Amino acid sequence: MTENKIKNGDVFDIGQTVNGISRFIWLGGKWHYFNNEVDREYEYDHDGLTKLILDDYTDYGKDGWCIFLGNIFDFI
């Protein structure tokens, strides 16, 4: 999987927590997360999180902990 295959609205659970968060959504070219039902932009290293997801999310989660949960725009 390459970075350009991550689509706007894709949601991932990385199987571990980064600063207390494990589920991330890609919106507008940046990572976001939901904290108490409020969308917040991820304040830390976007490139590092993208690399973590791409390195771990190989062939749709078969080889790593990261799980693709779907795309939020599929439900609208």
PDB file of N, CA and C in Angstrom:
ATOM      1  N   MET A   1       0.851  -1.183   0.000  1.00  0.00           N
ATOM      2  CA  MET A   1       0.000   0.000   0.000  1.00  0.00           C
ATOM      3  C   MET A   1       0.891   1.238   0.000  1.00  0.00           C
ATOM      4  N   THR A   2       0.559   2.195  -0.807  1.00  0.00           N
ATOM      5  CA  THR A   2       1.312   3.436  -0.830  1.00  0.00           C
ATOM      6  C   THR A   2       0.455   4.555  -0.276  1.00  0.00           C
ATOM      7  N   GLU A   3       1.092   5.661   0.075  1.00  0.00           N
ATOM      8  CA  GLU A   3       0.383   6.762   0.700  1.00  0.00           C
ATOM      9  C   GLU A   3      -0.787   7.247  -0.147  1.00  0.00           C
ATOM     10  N   ASN A   4      -0.647   7.252  -1.469  1.00  0.00           N
ATOM     11  CA  ASN A   4      -1.730   7.743  -2.311  1.00  0.00           C
ATOM     12  C   ASN A   4      -2.932   6.797  -2.315  1.00  0.00           C
ATOM     13  N   LYS A   5      -2.817   5.617  -1.731  1.00  0.00           N
ATOM     14  CA  LYS A   5      -3.951   4.708  -1.617  1.00  0.00           C
ATOM     15  C   LYS A   5      -4.773   4.982  -0.374  1.00  0.00           C
ATOM     16  N   ILE A   6      -4.276   5.806   0.536  1.00  0.00           N
ATOM     17  CA  ILE A   6      -5.082   6.224   1.674  1.00  0.00           C
ATOM     18  C   ILE A   6      -6.008   7.312   1.164  1.00  0.00           C
ATOM     19  N   LYS A   7      -7.316   7.084   1.286  1.00  0.00           N
ATOM     20  CA  LYS A   7      -8.294   8.006   0.735  1.00  0.00           C
ATOM     21  C   LYS A   7      -8.884   8.885   1.819  1.00  0.00           C
ATOM     22  N   ASN A   8      -9.333  10.052   1.422  1.00  0.00           N
ATOM     23  CA  ASN A   8      -9.995  10.966   2.330  1.00  0.00           C
ATOM     24  C   ASN A   8     -11.168  10.245   2.996  1.00  0.00           C
ATOM     25  N   GLY A   9     -11.170  10.231   4.327  1.00  0.00           N
ATOM     26  CA  GLY A   9     -12.224   9.567   5.078  1.00  0.00           C
ATOM     27  C   GLY A   9     -11.871   8.164   5.546  1.00  0.00           C
ATOM     28  N   ASP A  10     -10.712   7.632   5.157  1.00  0.00           N
ATOM     29  CA  ASP A  10     -10.309   6.298   5.616  1.00  0.00           C
ATOM     30  C   ASP A  10      -9.997   6.320   7.105  1.00  0.00           C
ATOM     31  N   VAL A  11     -10.456   5.285   7.803  1.00  0.00           N
ATOM     32  CA  VAL A  11     -10.270   5.171   9.248  1.00  0.00           C
ATOM     33  C   VAL A  11      -9.427   3.933   9.529  1.00  0.00           C
ATOM     34  N   PHE A  12      -8.420   4.098  10.397  1.00  0.00           N
ATOM     35  CA  PHE A  12      -7.532   3.007  10.761  1.00  0.00           C
ATOM     36  C   PHE A  12      -7.460   2.873  12.270  1.00  0.00           C
ATOM     37  N   ASP A  13      -7.378   1.637  12.742  1.00  0.00           N
ATOM     38  CA  ASP A  13      -7.058   1.355  14.142  1.00  0.00           C
ATOM     39  C   ASP A  13      -5.669   0.745  14.117  1.00  0.00           C
ATOM     40  N   ILE A  14      -4.699   1.421  14.740  1.00  0.00           N
ATOM     41  CA  ILE A  14      -3.307   0.974  14.630  1.00  0.00           C
ATOM     42  C   ILE A  14      -2.941  -0.106  15.633  1.00  0.00           C
ATOM     43  N   GLY A  15      -3.897  -0.541  16.463  1.00  0.00           N
ATOM     44  CA  GLY A  15      -3.645  -1.656  17.362  1.00  0.00           C
ATOM     45  C   GLY A  15      -2.777  -1.317  18.556  1.00  0.00           C
ATOM     46  N   GLN A  16      -2.446  -0.069  18.706  1.00  0.00           N
ATOM     47  CA  GLN A  16      -1.682   0.412  19.849  1.00  0.00           C
ATOM     48  C   GLN A  16      -2.067   1.868  20.039  1.00  0.00           C
ATOM     49  N   THR A  17      -1.736   2.440  21.147  1.00  0.00           N
ATOM     50  CA  THR A  17      -2.108   3.833  21.344  1.00  0.00           C
ATOM     51  C   THR A  17      -0.920   4.755  21.119  1.00  0.00           C
ATOM     52  N   VAL A  18      -1.203   5.886  20.514  1.00  0.00           N
ATOM     53  CA  VAL A  18      -0.248   6.967  20.354  1.00  0.00           C
ATOM     54  C   VAL A  18      -0.858   8.138  21.107  1.00  0.00           C
ATOM     55  N   ASN A  19      -0.228   8.503  22.208  1.00  0.00           N
ATOM     56  CA  ASN A  19      -0.762   9.560  23.061  1.00  0.00           C
ATOM     57  C   ASN A  19      -2.215   9.282  23.462  1.00  0.00           C
ATOM     58  N   GLY A  20      -2.508   8.008  23.761  1.00  0.00           N
ATOM     59  CA  GLY A  20      -3.821   7.605  24.233  1.00  0.00           C
ATOM     60  C   GLY A  20      -4.861   7.359  23.157  1.00  0.00           C
ATOM     61  N   ILE A  21      -4.498   7.470  21.903  1.00  0.00           N
ATOM     62  CA  ILE A  21      -5.430   7.313  20.787  1.00  0.00           C
ATOM     63  C   ILE A  21      -4.979   6.145  19.919  1.00  0.00           C
ATOM     64  N   SER A  22      -5.934   5.319  19.451  1.00  0.00           N
ATOM     65  CA  SER A  22      -5.558   4.230  18.557  1.00  0.00           C
ATOM     66  C   SER A  22      -6.269   4.304  17.208  1.00  0.00           C
ATOM     67  N   ARG A  23      -7.362   5.058  17.120  1.00  0.00           N
ATOM     68  CA  ARG A  23      -8.101   5.164  15.860  1.00  0.00           C
ATOM     69  C   ARG A  23      -7.899   6.541  15.246  1.00  0.00           C
ATOM     70  N   PHE A  24      -7.538   6.522  13.966  1.00  0.00           N
ATOM     71  CA  PHE A  24      -7.230   7.749  13.247  1.00  0.00           C
ATOM     72  C   PHE A  24      -7.988   7.795  11.932  1.00  0.00           C
ATOM     73  N   ILE A  25      -8.340   9.004  11.514  1.00  0.00           N
ATOM     74  CA  ILE A  25      -9.043   9.213  10.256  1.00  0.00           C
ATOM     75  C   ILE A  25      -8.246  10.215   9.418  1.00  0.00           C
ATOM     76  N   TRP A  26      -8.136   9.925   8.125  1.00  0.00           N
ATOM     77  CA  TRP A  26      -7.411  10.786   7.196  1.00  0.00           C
ATOM     78  C   TRP A  26      -8.416  11.740   6.556  1.00  0.00           C
ATOM     79  N   LEU A  27      -8.296  13.033   6.841  1.00  0.00           N
ATOM     80  CA  LEU A  27      -9.202  14.049   6.306  1.00  0.00           C
ATOM     81  C   LEU A  27      -8.412  15.247   5.803  1.00  0.00           C
ATOM     82  N   GLY A  28      -8.651  15.611   4.580  1.00  0.00           N
ATOM     83  CA  GLY A  28      -8.024  16.805   4.022  1.00  0.00           C
ATOM     84  C   GLY A  28      -6.512  16.788   4.059  1.00  0.00           C
ATOM     85  N   GLY A  29      -5.905  15.618   3.894  1.00  0.00           N
ATOM     86  CA  GLY A  29      -4.453  15.515   3.867  1.00  0.00           C
ATOM     87  C   GLY A  29      -3.792  15.526   5.227  1.00  0.00           C
ATOM     88  N   LYS A  30      -4.589  15.358   6.302  1.00  0.00           N
ATOM     89  CA  LYS A  30      -4.044  15.329   7.661  1.00  0.00           C
ATOM     90  C   LYS A  30      -4.738  14.243   8.468  1.00  0.00           C
ATOM     91  N   TRP A  31      -4.040  13.759   9.481  1.00  0.00           N
ATOM     92  CA  TRP A  31      -4.620  12.784  10.391  1.00  0.00           C
ATOM     93  C   TRP A  31      -5.450  13.492  11.449  1.00  0.00           C
ATOM     94  N   HIS A  32      -6.589  12.902  11.778  1.00  0.00           N
ATOM     95  CA  HIS A  32      -7.477  13.398  12.820  1.00  0.00           C
ATOM     96  C   HIS A  32      -7.845  12.225  13.709  1.00  0.00           C
ATOM     97  N   TYR A  33      -8.395  12.544  14.867  1.00  0.00           N
ATOM     98  CA  TYR A  33      -8.907  11.514  15.764  1.00  0.00           C
ATOM     99  C   TYR A  33     -10.117  12.081  16.480  1.00  0.00           C
ATOM    100  N   PHE A  34     -10.871  11.198  17.098  1.00  0.00           N
ATOM    101  CA  PHE A  34     -12.043  11.633  17.851  1.00  0.00           C
ATOM    102  C   PHE A  34     -11.757  11.453  19.327  1.00  0.00           C
ATOM    103  N   ASN A  35     -11.912  12.536  20.069  1.00  0.00           N
ATOM    104  CA  ASN A  35     -11.707  12.528  21.507  1.00  0.00           C
ATOM    105  C   ASN A  35     -12.976  13.092  22.129  1.00  0.00           C
ATOM    106  N   ASN A  36     -13.705  12.250  22.856  1.00  0.00           N
ATOM    107  CA  ASN A  36     -14.992  12.655  23.426  1.00  0.00           C
ATOM    108  C   ASN A  36     -15.935  13.174  22.347  1.00  0.00           C
ATOM    109  N   GLU A  37     -15.964  12.457  21.222  1.00  0.00           N
ATOM    110  CA  GLU A  37     -16.844  12.750  20.094  1.00  0.00           C
ATOM    111  C   GLU A  37     -16.545  14.079  19.407  1.00  0.00           C
ATOM    112  N   VAL A  38     -15.392  14.642  19.650  1.00  0.00           N
ATOM    113  CA  VAL A  38     -14.981  15.883  18.987  1.00  0.00           C
ATOM    114  C   VAL A  38     -13.813  15.554  18.069  1.00  0.00           C
ATOM    115  N   ASP A  39     -13.918  15.983  16.819  1.00  0.00           N
ATOM    116  CA  ASP A  39     -12.850  15.763  15.855  1.00  0.00           C
ATOM    117  C   ASP A  39     -11.712  16.727  16.149  1.00  0.00           C
ATOM    118  N   ARG A  40     -10.510  16.182  16.262  1.00  0.00           N
ATOM    119  CA  ARG A  40      -9.334  17.015  16.480  1.00  0.00           C
ATOM    120  C   ARG A  40      -8.242  16.599  15.507  1.00  0.00           C
ATOM    121  N   GLU A  41      -7.526  17.604  15.029  1.00  0.00           N
ATOM    122  CA  GLU A  41      -6.377  17.277  14.197  1.00  0.00           C
ATOM    123  C   GLU A  41      -5.302  16.677  15.083  1.00  0.00           C
ATOM    124  N   TYR A  42      -4.666  15.649  14.600  1.00  0.00           N
ATOM    125  CA  TYR A  42      -3.556  15.021  15.304  1.00  0.00           C
ATOM    126  C   TYR A  42      -2.424  16.034  15.407  1.00  0.00           C
ATOM    127  N   GLU A  43      -1.957  16.307  16.622  1.00  0.00           N
ATOM    128  CA  GLU A  43      -1.006  17.398  16.854  1.00  0.00           C
ATOM    129  C   GLU A  43       0.447  17.012  16.669  1.00  0.00           C
ATOM    130  N   TYR A  44       0.706  15.770  16.395  1.00  0.00           N
ATOM    131  CA  TYR A  44       2.084  15.307  16.377  1.00  0.00           C
ATOM    132  C   TYR A  44       2.544  15.023  14.951  1.00  0.00           C
ATOM    133  N   ASP A  45       3.407  14.100  14.780  1.00  0.00           N
ATOM    134  CA  ASP A  45       4.091  13.829  13.518  1.00  0.00           C
ATOM    135  C   ASP A  45       3.180  13.097  12.517  1.00  0.00           C
ATOM    136  N   HIS A  46       2.600  13.846  11.574  1.00  0.00           N
ATOM    137  CA  HIS A  46       1.724  13.246  10.560  1.00  0.00           C
ATOM    138  C   HIS A  46       2.490  12.259   9.687  1.00  0.00           C
ATOM    139  N   ASP A  47       3.710  12.621   9.288  1.00  0.00           N
ATOM    140  CA  ASP A  47       4.503  11.719   8.445  1.00  0.00           C
ATOM    141  C   ASP A  47       4.843  10.434   9.184  1.00  0.00           C
ATOM    142  N   GLY A  48       5.169  10.550  10.466  1.00  0.00           N
ATOM    143  CA  GLY A  48       5.481   9.363  11.266  1.00  0.00           C
ATOM    144  C   GLY A  48       4.288   8.438  11.410  1.00  0.00           C
ATOM    145  N   LEU A  49       3.097   9.003  11.628  1.00  0.00           N
ATOM    146  CA  LEU A  49       1.891   8.185  11.743  1.00  0.00           C
ATOM    147  C   LEU A  49       1.567   7.525  10.410  1.00  0.00           C
ATOM    148  N   THR A  50       1.713   8.272   9.310  1.00  0.00           N
ATOM    149  CA  THR A  50       1.485   7.690   7.985  1.00  0.00           C
ATOM    150  C   THR A  50       2.435   6.538   7.746  1.00  0.00           C
ATOM    151  N   LYS A  51       3.709   6.711   8.085  1.00  0.00           N
ATOM    152  CA  LYS A  51       4.693   5.638   7.910  1.00  0.00           C
ATOM    153  C   LYS A  51       4.337   4.431   8.767  1.00  0.00           C
ATOM    154  N   LEU A  52       3.945   4.665  10.017  1.00  0.00           N
ATOM    155  CA  LEU A  52       3.550   3.566  10.901  1.00  0.00           C
ATOM    156  C   LEU A  52       2.399   2.782  10.287  1.00  0.00           C
ATOM    157  N   ILE A  53       1.399   3.482   9.782  1.00  0.00           N
ATOM    158  CA  ILE A  53       0.240   2.810   9.187  1.00  0.00           C
ATOM    159  C   ILE A  53       0.645   2.075   7.916  1.00  0.00           C
ATOM    160  N   LEU A  54       1.403   2.713   7.050  1.00  0.00           N
ATOM    161  CA  LEU A  54       1.785   2.076   5.796  1.00  0.00           C
ATOM    162  C   LEU A  54       2.724   0.902   6.011  1.00  0.00           C
ATOM    163  N   ASP A  55       3.640   1.005   6.975  1.00  0.00           N
ATOM    164  CA  ASP A  55       4.565  -0.091   7.254  1.00  0.00           C
ATOM    165  C   ASP A  55       3.834  -1.289   7.850  1.00  0.00           C
ATOM    166  N   ASP A  56       2.826  -1.036   8.670  1.00  0.00           N
ATOM    167  CA  ASP A  56       2.132  -2.106   9.381  1.00  0.00           C
ATOM    168  C   ASP A  56       0.932  -2.627   8.611  1.00  0.00           C
ATOM    169  N   TYR A  57       0.314  -1.780   7.820  1.00  0.00           N
ATOM    170  CA  TYR A  57      -0.910  -2.124   7.122  1.00  0.00           C
ATOM    171  C   TYR A  57      -0.559  -2.655   5.747  1.00  0.00           C
ATOM    172  N   THR A  58      -0.120  -3.894   5.715  1.00  0.00           N
ATOM    173  CA  THR A  58       0.304  -4.528   4.473  1.00  0.00           C
ATOM    174  C   THR A  58      -0.788  -5.489   4.024  1.00  0.00           C
ATOM    175  N   ASP A  59      -1.208  -5.364   2.807  1.00  0.00           N
ATOM    176  CA  ASP A  59      -2.230  -6.245   2.242  1.00  0.00           C
ATOM    177  C   ASP A  59      -3.481  -6.278   3.122  1.00  0.00           C
ATOM    178  N   TYR A  60      -3.981  -5.088   3.445  1.00  0.00           N
ATOM    179  CA  TYR A  60      -5.192  -4.926   4.242  1.00  0.00           C
ATOM    180  C   TYR A  60      -5.146  -5.650   5.574  1.00  0.00           C
ATOM    181  N   GLY A  61      -4.077  -5.413   6.321  1.00  0.00           N
ATOM    182  CA  GLY A  61      -4.003  -5.844   7.708  1.00  0.00           C
ATOM    183  C   GLY A  61      -3.603  -7.284   7.940  1.00  0.00           C
ATOM    184  N   LYS A  62      -3.311  -8.027   6.905  1.00  0.00           N
ATOM    185  CA  LYS A  62      -2.987  -9.438   7.094  1.00  0.00           C
ATOM    186  C   LYS A  62      -1.661  -9.642   7.801  1.00  0.00           C
ATOM    187  N   ASP A  63      -0.731  -8.700   7.647  1.00  0.00           N
ATOM    188  CA  ASP A  63       0.616  -8.892   8.173  1.00  0.00           C
ATOM    189  C   ASP A  63       0.939  -8.026   9.387  1.00  0.00           C
ATOM    190  N   GLY A  64       0.006  -7.234   9.850  1.00  0.00           N
ATOM    191  CA  GLY A  64       0.324  -6.347  10.957  1.00  0.00           C
ATOM    192  C   GLY A  64      -0.863  -6.119  11.859  1.00  0.00           C
ATOM    193  N   TRP A  65      -0.676  -5.201  12.796  1.00  0.00           N
ATOM    194  CA  TRP A  65      -1.714  -4.902  13.773  1.00  0.00           C
ATOM    195  C   TRP A  65      -2.729  -3.902  13.259  1.00  0.00           C
ATOM    196  N   CYS A  66      -2.339  -3.084  12.322  1.00  0.00           N
ATOM    197  CA  CYS A  66      -3.209  -2.010  11.845  1.00  0.00           C
ATOM    198  C   CYS A  66      -4.391  -2.597  11.076  1.00  0.00           C
ATOM    199  N   ILE A  67      -5.585  -2.110  11.386  1.00  0.00           N
ATOM    200  CA  ILE A  67      -6.799  -2.607  10.741  1.00  0.00           C
ATOM    201  C   ILE A  67      -7.500  -1.444  10.054  1.00  0.00           C
ATOM    202  N   PHE A  68      -7.862  -1.653   8.807  1.00  0.00           N
ATOM    203  CA  PHE A  68      -8.647  -0.672   8.071  1.00  0.00           C
ATOM    204  C   PHE A  68     -10.096  -0.848   8.491  1.00  0.00           C
ATOM    205  N   LEU A  69     -10.689   0.192   9.076  1.00  0.00           N
ATOM    206  CA  LEU A  69     -12.051   0.102   9.584  1.00  0.00           C
ATOM    207  C   LEU A  69     -13.093   0.537   8.565  1.00  0.00           C
ATOM    208  N   GLY A  70     -12.678   1.180   7.497  1.00  0.00           N
ATOM    209  CA  GLY A  70     -13.610   1.627   6.473  1.00  0.00           C
ATOM    210  C   GLY A  70     -13.457   3.106   6.198  1.00  0.00           C
ATOM    211  N   ASN A  71     -14.358   3.608   5.385  1.00  0.00           N
ATOM    212  CA  ASN A  71     -14.331   5.016   5.016  1.00  0.00           C
ATOM    213  C   ASN A  71     -15.640   5.652   5.462  1.00  0.00           C
ATOM    214  N   ILE A  72     -15.544   6.748   6.190  1.00  0.00           N
ATOM    215  CA  ILE A  72     -16.750   7.366   6.737  1.00  0.00           C
ATOM    216  C   ILE A  72     -17.694   7.855   5.650  1.00  0.00           C
ATOM    217  N   PHE A  73     -17.187   8.161   4.478  1.00  0.00           N
ATOM    218  CA  PHE A  73     -18.017   8.681   3.395  1.00  0.00           C
ATOM    219  C   PHE A  73     -18.837   7.580   2.728  1.00  0.00           C
ATOM    220  N   ASP A  74     -18.526   6.319   3.007  1.00  0.00           N
ATOM    221  CA  ASP A  74     -19.320   5.212   2.476  1.00  0.00           C
ATOM    222  C   ASP A  74     -20.689   5.127   3.153  1.00  0.00           C
ATOM    223  N   PHE A  75     -20.841   5.790   4.303  1.00  0.00           N
ATOM    224  CA  PHE A  75     -22.074   5.690   5.072  1.00  0.00           C
ATOM    225  C   PHE A  75     -22.945   6.927   4.943  1.00  0.00           C
ATOM    226  N   ILE A  76     -22.501   7.889   4.161  1.00  0.00           N
ATOM    227  CA  ILE A  76     -23.261   9.137   4.018  1.00  0.00           C
ATOM    228  C   ILE A  76     -24.250   9.013   2.879  1.00  0.00           C
TER     229      ILE A  76
END
